[in-house]
Amino acid sequence: MRTTVELSDDLIAALHALAVKKGYRGYSRIMEEAVKHYLRDHEKKEGAWSVLSRMRGIWSGKEAAETKKKLEEIRKNWHA
């Protein structure tokens, strides 16, 4: 299905360059891959938030604070 999407000149240039690199005639396939990836990622995040929201109130204040402290420490030492 055809649709119109407004993108910046920089994004269009990057899409064209990637299409050429991959040997595609245009960038429609890249756009479709990008949208699929975005939607999959969004579903994963929404699913995680749904689980977390159902857990609200299960931990005591002390447990929540200890877990938050541990997570902050992990994030501080995380090497990406």
C-alpha atoms as a PDB file:
ATOM      1  CA  MET A   1       0.000   0.000   0.000  1.00  0.00           C
ATOM      2  CA  ARG A   2       1.335   3.426  -0.835  1.00  0.00           C
ATOM      3  CA  THR A   3       1.366   6.247   1.670  1.00  0.00           C
ATOM      4  CA  THR A   4       3.013   9.617   2.140  1.00  0.00           C
ATOM      5  CA  VAL A   5       5.518  10.162   4.922  1.00  0.00           C
ATOM      6  CA  GLU A   6       7.296  13.449   5.510  1.00  0.00           C
ATOM      7  CA  LEU A   7      10.968  13.061   6.454  1.00  0.00           C
ATOM      8  CA  SER A   8      13.875  15.477   6.717  1.00  0.00           C
ATOM      9  CA  ASP A   9      16.337  15.770   3.846  1.00  0.00           C
ATOM     10  CA  ASP A  10      19.012  14.172   6.029  1.00  0.00           C
ATOM     11  CA  LEU A  11      16.874  11.095   6.664  1.00  0.00           C
ATOM     12  CA  ILE A  12      15.997  10.757   2.988  1.00  0.00           C
ATOM     13  CA  ALA A  13      19.699  10.956   2.069  1.00  0.00           C
ATOM     14  CA  ALA A  14      20.554   8.317   4.674  1.00  0.00           C
ATOM     15  CA  LEU A  15      17.761   6.047   3.410  1.00  0.00           C
ATOM     16  CA  HIS A  16      18.957   6.408  -0.192  1.00  0.00           C
ATOM     17  CA  ALA A  17      22.539   5.626   0.832  1.00  0.00           C
ATOM     18  CA  LEU A  18      21.473   2.533   2.756  1.00  0.00           C
ATOM     19  CA  ALA A  19      19.281   1.360  -0.120  1.00  0.00           C
ATOM     20  CA  VAL A  20      22.207   1.655  -2.529  1.00  0.00           C
ATOM     21  CA  LYS A  21      24.473  -0.184  -0.085  1.00  0.00           C
ATOM     22  CA  LYS A  22      21.949  -3.034   0.196  1.00  0.00           C
ATOM     23  CA  GLY A  23      21.346  -3.110  -3.552  1.00  0.00           C
ATOM     24  CA  TYR A  24      17.703  -2.010  -3.348  1.00  0.00           C
ATOM     25  CA  ARG A  25      16.090   0.085  -6.083  1.00  0.00           C
ATOM     26  CA  GLY A  26      14.414   2.344  -3.530  1.00  0.00           C
ATOM     27  CA  TYR A  27      14.084   2.650   0.198  1.00  0.00           C
ATOM     28  CA  SER A  28      10.579   1.244   0.686  1.00  0.00           C
ATOM     29  CA  ARG A  29      11.929  -2.077   2.005  1.00  0.00           C
ATOM     30  CA  ILE A  30      14.125  -0.238   4.490  1.00  0.00           C
ATOM     31  CA  MET A  31      11.166   1.834   5.672  1.00  0.00           C
ATOM     32  CA  GLU A  32       9.080  -1.318   6.102  1.00  0.00           C
ATOM     33  CA  GLU A  33      11.877  -3.016   8.063  1.00  0.00           C
ATOM     34  CA  ALA A  34      12.240   0.076  10.262  1.00  0.00           C
ATOM     35  CA  VAL A  35       8.519   0.270  11.025  1.00  0.00           C
ATOM     36  CA  LYS A  36       8.362  -3.466  11.841  1.00  0.00           C
ATOM     37  CA  HIS A  37      11.354  -3.102  14.144  1.00  0.00           C
ATOM     38  CA  TYR A  38       9.806  -0.069  15.862  1.00  0.00           C
ATOM     39  CA  LEU A  39       6.470  -1.809  16.387  1.00  0.00           C
ATOM     40  CA  ARG A  40       8.131  -4.972  17.753  1.00  0.00           C
ATOM     41  CA  ASP A  41      10.211  -2.864  20.156  1.00  0.00           C
ATOM     42  CA  HIS A  42       7.133  -0.891  21.218  1.00  0.00           C
ATOM     43  CA  GLU A  43       5.184  -4.108  21.916  1.00  0.00           C
ATOM     44  CA  LYS A  44       8.032  -5.433  24.068  1.00  0.00           C
ATOM     45  CA  LYS A  45       8.171  -2.218  26.101  1.00  0.00           C
ATOM     46  CA  GLU A  46       4.385  -2.081  26.509  1.00  0.00           C
ATOM     47  CA  GLY A  47       4.373  -5.721  27.597  1.00  0.00           C
ATOM     48  CA  ALA A  48       7.063  -5.042  30.186  1.00  0.00           C
ATOM     49  CA  TRP A  49       5.185  -2.023  31.552  1.00  0.00           C
ATOM     50  CA  SER A  50       2.017  -4.072  31.753  1.00  0.00           C
ATOM     51  CA  VAL A  51       3.768  -6.677  33.886  1.00  0.00           C
ATOM     52  CA  LEU A  52       5.304  -3.997  36.089  1.00  0.00           C
ATOM     53  CA  SER A  53       2.020  -2.170  36.585  1.00  0.00           C
ATOM     54  CA  ARG A  54       0.338  -5.403  37.728  1.00  0.00           C
ATOM     55  CA  MET A  55       3.128  -5.818  40.301  1.00  0.00           C
ATOM     56  CA  ARG A  56       2.536  -2.364  41.786  1.00  0.00           C
ATOM     57  CA  GLY A  57       2.046  -2.627  45.533  1.00  0.00           C
ATOM     58  CA  ILE A  58       3.373  -6.187  45.823  1.00  0.00           C
ATOM     59  CA  TRP A  59       6.734  -5.140  47.300  1.00  0.00           C
ATOM     60  CA  SER A  60       7.054  -3.381  50.613  1.00  0.00           C
ATOM     61  CA  GLY A  61       8.524   0.120  50.608  1.00  0.00           C
ATOM     62  CA  LYS A  62      11.794  -1.281  51.937  1.00  0.00           C
ATOM     63  CA  GLU A  63      12.000  -3.969  49.217  1.00  0.00           C
ATOM     64  CA  ALA A  64      11.268  -1.408  46.520  1.00  0.00           C
ATOM     65  CA  ALA A  65      13.927   0.977  47.841  1.00  0.00           C
ATOM     66  CA  GLU A  66      16.545  -1.804  48.058  1.00  0.00           C
ATOM     67  CA  THR A  67      15.751  -2.982  44.535  1.00  0.00           C
ATOM     68  CA  LYS A  68      15.883   0.569  43.190  1.00  0.00           C
ATOM     69  CA  LYS A  69      19.272   1.088  44.845  1.00  0.00           C
ATOM     70  CA  LYS A  70      20.631  -2.152  43.350  1.00  0.00           C
ATOM     71  CA  LEU A  71      19.350  -1.229  39.872  1.00  0.00           C
ATOM     72  CA  GLU A  72      20.927   2.220  40.083  1.00  0.00           C
ATOM     73  CA  GLU A  73      24.240   0.616  41.036  1.00  0.00           C
ATOM     74  CA  ILE A  74      24.017  -1.825  38.119  1.00  0.00           C
ATOM     75  CA  ARG A  75      23.229   1.004  35.699  1.00  0.00           C
ATOM     76  CA  LYS A  76      26.131   3.069  37.010  1.00  0.00           C
ATOM     77  CA  ASN A  77      28.564   0.193  36.358  1.00  0.00           C
ATOM     78  CA  TRP A  78      27.002  -0.931  33.058  1.00  0.00           C
ATOM     79  CA  HIS A  79      29.413  -1.050  30.118  1.00  0.00           C
ATOM     80  CA  ALA A  80      27.584  -0.735  26.810  1.00  0.00           C
END
